[in-house]
Protein backbone atom coordinates (compact mmCIF):
# COMPACT_ATOMS: atom_id res chain seq x y z
CA UNK A 1 33.00 14.28 27.08
CA UNK A 2 34.57 14.18 23.40
CA UNK A 3 35.33 10.43 23.78
CA UNK A 4 32.18 9.81 25.28
CA UNK A 5 30.25 10.67 22.14
CA UNK A 6 32.77 9.18 19.62
CA UNK A 7 32.10 6.21 21.45
CA UNK A 8 28.40 6.33 21.71
CA UNK A 9 28.56 7.22 17.85
CA UNK A 10 30.94 4.13 17.12
CA UNK A 11 28.29 2.16 18.85
CA UNK A 12 25.10 3.47 17.29
CA UNK A 13 26.91 2.49 14.19
CA UNK A 14 28.18 -0.66 15.23
CA UNK A 15 24.07 -1.75 16.15
CA UNK A 16 23.09 -0.23 12.92
CA UNK A 17 25.75 -2.40 11.06
CA UNK A 18 25.42 -5.78 12.17
CA UNK A 19 21.43 -5.28 12.11
CA UNK A 20 21.85 -4.54 8.30
CA UNK A 21 24.60 -7.90 7.87
CA UNK A 22 21.58 -9.75 9.11
CA UNK A 23 18.61 -8.11 7.69
CA UNK A 24 19.88 -5.85 4.68
CA UNK A 25 17.64 -5.99 1.38
CA UNK A 26 19.02 -8.17 -1.16
CA UNK A 27 19.00 -6.00 -4.49
CA UNK A 28 19.92 -6.60 -7.69
CA UNK A 29 22.72 -3.44 -7.50
CA UNK A 30 23.84 -4.23 -3.99
CA UNK A 31 26.81 -6.18 -2.99
CA UNK A 32 26.29 -7.56 0.65
CA UNK A 33 28.78 -9.50 2.83
CA UNK A 34 31.80 -6.57 3.74
CA UNK A 35 34.01 -9.23 5.11
CA UNK A 36 34.44 -10.70 1.36
CA UNK A 37 35.98 -7.70 0.13
CA UNK A 38 33.87 -6.99 -2.84
CA UNK A 39 33.27 -3.72 -3.68
CA UNK A 40 30.21 -2.00 -5.25
CA UNK A 41 30.13 -1.27 -8.80
CA UNK A 42 29.84 2.40 -9.23
CA UNK A 43 27.85 1.97 -12.42
CA UNK A 44 25.47 -0.08 -10.60
CA UNK A 45 25.40 2.21 -7.79
CA UNK A 46 24.75 5.17 -10.07
CA UNK A 47 22.29 3.84 -12.39
CA UNK A 48 20.10 2.64 -9.23
CA UNK A 49 20.04 6.03 -7.54
CA UNK A 50 18.85 7.76 -10.95
CA UNK A 51 16.43 4.97 -11.13
CA UNK A 52 15.04 5.13 -7.67
CA UNK A 53 14.32 8.83 -7.62
CA UNK A 54 10.67 9.74 -6.93
CA UNK A 55 10.18 5.65 -7.41
CA UNK A 56 10.30 2.77 -5.54
CA UNK A 57 12.50 -0.28 -5.32
CA UNK A 58 9.30 -2.77 -6.86
CA UNK A 59 9.41 -0.30 -9.91
CA UNK A 60 13.04 -0.19 -10.29
CA UNK A 61 14.12 -3.86 -9.81
CA UNK A 62 13.06 -4.97 -13.32
CA UNK A 63 14.06 -1.63 -14.89
CA UNK A 64 17.42 -2.07 -13.31
CA UNK A 65 17.66 -5.80 -14.53
CA UNK A 66 16.65 -4.55 -18.39
CA UNK A 67 19.11 -1.51 -18.50
CA UNK A 68 22.22 -3.27 -17.59
CA UNK A 69 21.17 -6.65 -19.87
CA UNK A 70 21.33 -4.15 -22.50
CA UNK A 71 24.38 -2.11 -21.64
CA UNK A 72 26.40 -4.01 -19.04
CA UNK A 73 29.08 -0.93 -18.87
CA UNK A 74 28.74 2.43 -18.80
CA UNK A 75 31.10 2.86 -21.94
CA UNK A 76 28.21 0.90 -23.23
CA UNK A 77 25.27 3.30 -22.40
CA UNK A 78 27.21 6.12 -23.56
CA UNK A 79 27.20 4.20 -27.05
CA UNK A 80 23.77 3.75 -26.94
CA UNK A 81 21.26 5.73 -29.17
CA UNK A 82 19.12 8.29 -27.03
CA UNK A 83 16.07 7.26 -28.52
CA UNK A 84 16.40 3.42 -27.40
CA UNK A 85 17.54 4.95 -23.67
CA UNK A 86 13.96 6.82 -23.83
CA UNK A 87 12.43 3.48 -25.02
CA UNK A 88 14.15 1.37 -22.27
CA UNK A 89 12.87 3.91 -19.54
CA UNK A 90 9.79 4.60 -20.53
CA UNK A 91 7.29 4.38 -18.00
CA UNK A 92 9.70 5.05 -15.17
CA UNK A 93 8.33 8.85 -15.57
CA UNK A 94 10.47 12.13 -15.30
CA UNK A 95 11.82 11.45 -18.15
CA UNK A 96 14.80 14.48 -17.65
CA UNK A 97 16.45 11.43 -15.88
CA UNK A 98 16.68 9.21 -18.81
CA UNK A 99 17.91 12.13 -20.69
CA UNK A 100 20.33 13.14 -18.17
CA UNK A 101 21.28 9.44 -17.70
CA UNK A 102 22.67 9.18 -21.00
CA UNK A 103 24.60 12.63 -21.03
CA UNK A 104 26.38 11.38 -17.56
CA UNK A 105 27.23 8.36 -19.08
CA UNK A 106 28.97 10.09 -22.28
CA UNK A 107 30.51 12.48 -19.87
CA UNK A 108 31.95 9.76 -17.40
CA UNK A 109 33.52 7.94 -21.03
CA UNK A 110 34.95 11.23 -22.27
CA UNK A 111 35.87 13.27 -19.11
CA UNK A 112 37.22 10.53 -16.75
CA UNK A 113 37.89 7.09 -19.46
CA UNK A 114 35.02 5.59 -18.24
CA UNK A 115 35.66 5.27 -14.64
CA UNK A 116 33.17 7.04 -12.39
CA UNK A 117 35.46 9.63 -10.09
CA UNK A 118 34.94 8.73 -6.51
CA UNK A 119 35.04 12.61 -4.79
CA UNK A 120 31.99 14.25 -3.94
CA UNK A 121 33.02 17.14 -6.17
CA UNK A 122 33.93 15.79 -9.36
CA UNK A 123 30.73 13.67 -9.11
CA UNK A 124 28.50 17.11 -8.53
CA UNK A 125 30.30 17.92 -11.70
CA UNK A 126 28.43 15.31 -13.67
CA UNK A 127 25.38 15.87 -15.45
CA UNK A 128 22.12 15.21 -13.48
CA UNK A 129 23.91 14.49 -10.47
CA UNK A 130 22.93 16.11 -7.27
CA UNK A 131 23.80 16.38 -3.64
CA UNK A 132 22.08 13.04 -2.96
CA UNK A 133 23.20 11.10 -5.42
CA UNK A 134 26.75 12.26 -5.41
CA UNK A 135 27.02 11.98 -1.90
CA UNK A 136 25.26 8.19 -2.42
CA UNK A 137 28.12 7.15 -5.15
CA UNK A 138 30.80 8.68 -2.93
CA UNK A 139 29.66 6.52 0.03
CA UNK A 140 28.42 3.49 -1.23
CA UNK A 141 30.92 3.07 -4.07
CA UNK A 142 33.74 4.46 -2.76
CA UNK A 143 33.44 4.10 1.08
CA UNK A 144 33.50 7.99 1.32
CA UNK A 145 32.29 9.53 4.67
CA UNK A 146 29.27 11.23 3.12
CA UNK A 147 25.31 10.72 4.11
CA UNK A 148 22.68 10.22 1.42
CA UNK A 149 19.71 11.65 3.10
CA UNK A 150 16.54 10.43 0.93
CA UNK A 151 13.48 10.41 2.41
CA UNK A 152 13.94 7.17 4.40
CA UNK A 153 17.00 8.60 6.30
CA UNK A 154 14.73 12.20 6.64
CA UNK A 155 12.06 10.25 8.45
CA UNK A 156 15.08 7.79 10.66
CA UNK A 157 16.96 10.85 12.01
CA UNK A 158 13.55 13.39 12.54
CA UNK A 159 12.23 10.44 14.72
CA UNK A 160 15.93 9.52 16.12
CA UNK A 161 16.57 13.29 17.24
CA UNK A 162 12.92 13.88 17.80
CA UNK A 163 13.20 16.42 15.18
CA UNK A 164 9.52 18.88 15.55
CA UNK A 165 10.35 21.41 12.78
CA UNK A 166 8.67 20.64 9.90
CA UNK A 167 9.66 19.65 6.22
CA UNK A 168 10.94 20.62 4.28
CA UNK A 169 12.64 23.82 6.75
CA UNK A 170 14.27 20.67 9.19
CA UNK A 171 15.95 19.30 6.13
CA UNK A 172 19.53 21.28 6.68
CA UNK A 173 19.25 20.25 10.20
CA UNK A 174 18.66 16.68 8.94
CA UNK A 175 21.05 16.44 6.75
CA UNK A 176 23.92 17.97 9.56
CA UNK A 177 22.72 15.30 12.14
CA UNK A 178 23.17 12.16 9.57
CA UNK A 179 26.93 13.26 8.67
CA UNK A 180 27.51 13.15 12.36
CA UNK A 181 26.64 9.51 12.60
CA UNK A 182 28.13 8.31 9.38
CA UNK A 183 31.05 6.15 10.88
CA UNK A 184 35.07 6.62 9.61
CA UNK A 185 35.01 2.73 8.54
CA UNK A 186 31.78 1.02 6.24
CA UNK A 187 30.29 4.40 5.51
CA UNK A 188 28.92 2.90 2.39
CA UNK A 189 27.14 0.02 4.49
CA UNK A 190 25.99 2.48 6.69
CA UNK A 191 24.38 4.99 4.10
CA UNK A 192 22.68 1.60 2.71
CA UNK A 193 21.93 0.41 6.53
CA UNK A 194 20.13 3.11 7.33
CA UNK A 195 18.05 3.84 4.08
CA UNK A 196 16.92 -0.09 4.84
CA UNK A 197 15.99 0.94 8.14
CA UNK A 198 13.66 3.03 7.06
CA UNK A 199 12.47 1.23 4.37
CA UNK A 200 11.91 -2.05 6.52
CA UNK A 201 11.25 -0.79 10.22
CA UNK A 202 11.04 2.65 10.67
CA UNK A 203 8.41 3.05 8.07
CA UNK A 204 6.15 6.11 7.35
CA UNK A 205 2.84 4.38 9.54
CA UNK A 206 3.70 1.88 12.35
CA UNK A 207 7.33 1.90 12.63
CA UNK A 208 8.13 -1.96 14.07
CA UNK A 209 10.26 0.03 17.20
CA UNK A 210 10.38 -3.26 19.27
CA UNK A 211 13.06 -4.88 17.17
CA UNK A 212 14.93 -1.34 15.74
CA UNK A 213 18.50 -1.28 16.40
CA UNK A 214 18.29 1.98 17.57
CA UNK A 215 15.26 1.84 19.97
CA UNK A 216 16.77 2.34 22.97
CA UNK A 217 18.15 5.85 22.18
CA UNK A 218 15.65 6.94 20.08
CA UNK A 219 14.07 10.15 21.36
CA UNK A 220 11.12 10.17 19.35
CA UNK A 221 10.25 6.71 20.41
CA UNK A 222 10.73 7.58 24.20
CA UNK A 223 8.60 10.55 23.80
CA UNK A 224 6.36 8.45 22.40
CA UNK A 225 5.65 10.96 19.08
CA UNK A 226 7.55 8.79 16.53
CA UNK A 227 4.90 7.50 14.28
CA UNK A 228 3.91 11.25 13.63
CA UNK A 229 7.39 12.49 12.78
CA UNK A 230 8.65 13.90 10.50
CA UNK A 231 6.47 16.78 10.57
CA UNK A 232 5.45 18.26 7.60
CA UNK A 233 4.11 21.83 6.20
CA UNK A 234 0.94 21.86 4.84
CA UNK A 235 0.87 20.88 1.10
CA UNK A 236 0.01 23.56 -1.67
CA UNK A 237 -3.12 22.66 -3.79
CA UNK A 238 -2.49 20.84 -6.96
CA UNK A 239 -3.68 22.88 -9.78
CA UNK A 240 -5.48 21.19 -12.70
CA UNK A 241 -4.55 22.08 -16.09
CA UNK A 242 -6.56 21.36 -19.54
CA UNK A 243 -5.98 20.47 -22.97
CA UNK A 244 -6.44 18.32 -26.33
CA UNK A 245 -5.28 15.38 -27.93
CA UNK A 246 -5.48 14.67 -31.45
CA UNK A 247 -5.48 10.87 -32.38
CA UNK A 248 -4.70 10.99 -36.46
CA UNK A 249 -4.58 7.74 -38.01
CA UNK A 250 -4.53 7.29 -41.75
CA UNK A 251 -5.96 4.74 -44.21
CA UNK A 252 -3.72 2.12 -43.16
CA UNK A 253 -4.39 2.53 -39.46
CA UNK A 254 -1.06 4.17 -38.47
CA UNK A 255 -1.12 6.45 -35.95
CA UNK A 256 0.70 9.91 -35.95
CA UNK A 257 3.29 10.61 -33.05
CA UNK A 258 5.03 13.73 -32.82
CA UNK A 259 8.78 14.47 -30.91
CA UNK A 260 8.43 17.02 -28.08
CA UNK A 261 10.90 19.71 -27.75
CA UNK A 262 14.09 18.72 -25.89
CA UNK A 263 13.48 21.10 -23.22
CA UNK A 264 10.57 21.21 -20.93
CA UNK A 265 8.30 18.22 -19.60
CA UNK A 266 8.37 14.86 -21.27
CA UNK A 267 11.39 16.73 -23.24
CA UNK A 268 12.61 14.62 -26.62
CA UNK A 269 9.68 11.89 -25.76
CA UNK A 270 7.08 10.88 -28.38
CA UNK A 271 3.71 11.99 -27.58
CA UNK A 272 0.03 11.69 -29.38
CA UNK A 273 -0.16 15.28 -30.27
CA UNK A 274 -1.54 17.62 -28.03
CA UNK A 275 -2.30 21.60 -27.40
CA UNK A 276 -1.04 23.36 -25.11
CA UNK A 277 -1.99 22.54 -21.30
CA UNK A 278 -3.56 25.40 -19.77
CA UNK A 279 -4.83 26.70 -16.90
CA UNK A 280 -8.16 27.41 -18.25
CA UNK A 281 -10.37 25.04 -20.76
CA UNK A 282 -10.06 25.76 -24.73
CA UNK A 283 -12.58 25.30 -27.13
CA UNK A 284 -11.30 22.57 -29.41
CA UNK A 285 -12.34 24.95 -32.15
CA UNK A 286 -9.55 27.16 -31.63
CA UNK A 287 -7.14 24.89 -31.23
CA UNK A 288 -7.55 22.18 -33.72
CA UNK A 289 -3.88 21.55 -35.51
CA UNK A 290 -5.53 21.08 -39.11
CA UNK A 291 -9.23 21.36 -40.43
CA UNK A 292 -10.86 17.70 -40.55
CA UNK A 293 -13.50 15.67 -39.59
CA UNK A 294 -12.92 15.75 -36.00
CA UNK A 295 -14.51 13.33 -33.88
CA UNK A 296 -14.59 13.72 -30.00
CA UNK A 297 -13.67 10.14 -28.23
CA UNK A 298 -15.74 10.02 -24.96
CA UNK A 299 -14.78 10.81 -21.71
CA UNK A 300 -11.45 12.03 -20.83
CA UNK A 301 -7.41 11.26 -19.96
CA UNK A 302 -6.38 12.63 -16.61
CA UNK A 303 -2.59 11.97 -15.32
CA UNK A 304 -1.17 13.54 -11.88
CA UNK A 305 2.62 15.11 -12.74
CA UNK A 306 4.37 16.55 -9.66
CA UNK A 307 2.85 19.76 -9.71
CA UNK A 308 -0.46 19.22 -11.01
CA UNK A 309 -3.06 17.39 -12.32
CA UNK A 310 -3.68 17.13 -16.11
CA UNK A 311 -7.45 16.78 -18.04
CA UNK A 312 -6.97 15.87 -21.41
CA UNK A 313 -9.92 15.69 -24.19
CA UNK A 314 -9.11 13.35 -27.12
CA UNK A 315 -10.69 13.86 -30.79
CA UNK A 316 -9.53 11.73 -33.65
CA UNK A 317 -9.83 12.12 -37.46
CA UNK A 318 -8.06 11.03 -40.35
CA UNK A 319 -5.21 12.39 -42.82
CA UNK A 320 -2.94 10.72 -45.29
CA UNK A 321 0.16 12.80 -44.80
CA UNK A 322 2.01 14.22 -41.51
CA UNK A 323 0.59 17.38 -41.16
CA UNK A 324 3.04 18.20 -37.97
CA UNK A 325 6.65 19.10 -37.64
CA UNK A 326 8.57 16.48 -35.77
CA UNK A 327 6.15 14.04 -36.59
CA UNK A 328 5.66 10.37 -38.11
CA UNK A 329 3.24 7.72 -39.05
CA UNK A 330 3.85 4.59 -36.56
CA UNK A 331 2.21 1.13 -37.33
CA UNK A 332 -0.68 0.33 -34.57
CA UNK A 333 0.98 -2.58 -33.48
CA UNK A 334 4.49 -1.08 -33.38
CA UNK A 335 3.08 1.58 -30.71
CA UNK A 336 4.10 -0.38 -27.58
CA UNK A 337 8.00 -0.26 -28.84
CA UNK A 338 8.00 3.74 -28.86
CA UNK A 339 9.26 5.56 -26.19
CA UNK A 340 6.00 7.05 -24.65
CA UNK A 341 5.24 8.83 -21.47
CA UNK A 342 2.94 7.12 -19.17
CA UNK A 343 0.37 9.99 -19.94
CA UNK A 344 0.55 8.93 -23.93
CA UNK A 345 -0.24 5.29 -23.17
CA UNK A 346 -2.95 6.58 -21.15
CA UNK A 347 -4.40 8.25 -23.85
CA UNK A 348 -3.33 5.10 -26.49
CA UNK A 349 -5.61 2.63 -24.05
CA UNK A 350 -8.35 5.35 -23.93
CA UNK A 351 -8.97 5.45 -28.01
CA UNK A 352 -8.62 1.81 -28.43
CA UNK A 353 -10.81 0.65 -25.92
CA UNK A 354 -13.11 2.79 -27.39
CA UNK A 355 -12.42 1.21 -30.84
């Protein structure tokens, strides 16, 4: 029975790898064609995996190209100024990733002489590298026998094994079953193949089971439940927070920006100064940062973070001196080059559209 299971597993992996060789995606951080012997660049694998967290491949392509053009090696990224890294990252969101990216590059240089470690355990010890990213680097860059389970893989495994238990409770079982499928050879290609399967055929809606390399064995397809899997627990309602933003200009038109605290949401990023973001609306008169002739900008700015919606009222005033700590005036023409998160760019567009 054990030999039969191994043979079946090898056959499953072989069919998926053959499909990947013919149909896998061409991505700027990927090396395809295992027969050439060319290995994946660990720096490229790590950089792309960090960028792809909570983001789509379509959004990441240009950012990845920009980063490797600016910093072709991990040593050059480690030597860069954090502000430059944050500027290059602006628009990708989840900015703690950018700070951890820079810290991780420095750790690779300082602890490992500029070479990424190959073991899952050593990778986990790096800043910002969690179990998924460590597994992805170990498998894709070093061919380690690890299953890198992202959302695409969760969907494929849930359907392949017809797992009815809803996410997130089914995650441990999915990881166990995914690990059991990883072959002893070409583990890195297998990791990328199963991701591509989920991204291109085993999609969230209308999976293309007819041309899937695993269609014959897929229990979800056989049961007719594939499109409904994975089951998901009911989502909790996302709360709304409220706040005020302060558009402060001086006589020459320069705009006051402030650096947010290093820890916390959007840590270390530049911002259009704002009040606290609270569950209950607070009167602007109680929150104004200093006395001035404040005028409300019509409308509101809205933005959705992972765990809450945000609604901001924007107020504008003039001041000739920076009236806040960690702040500076920036010429209006230079605003776009600042490391500003998306919500702050929305504020700028809102105000300038009104001007």
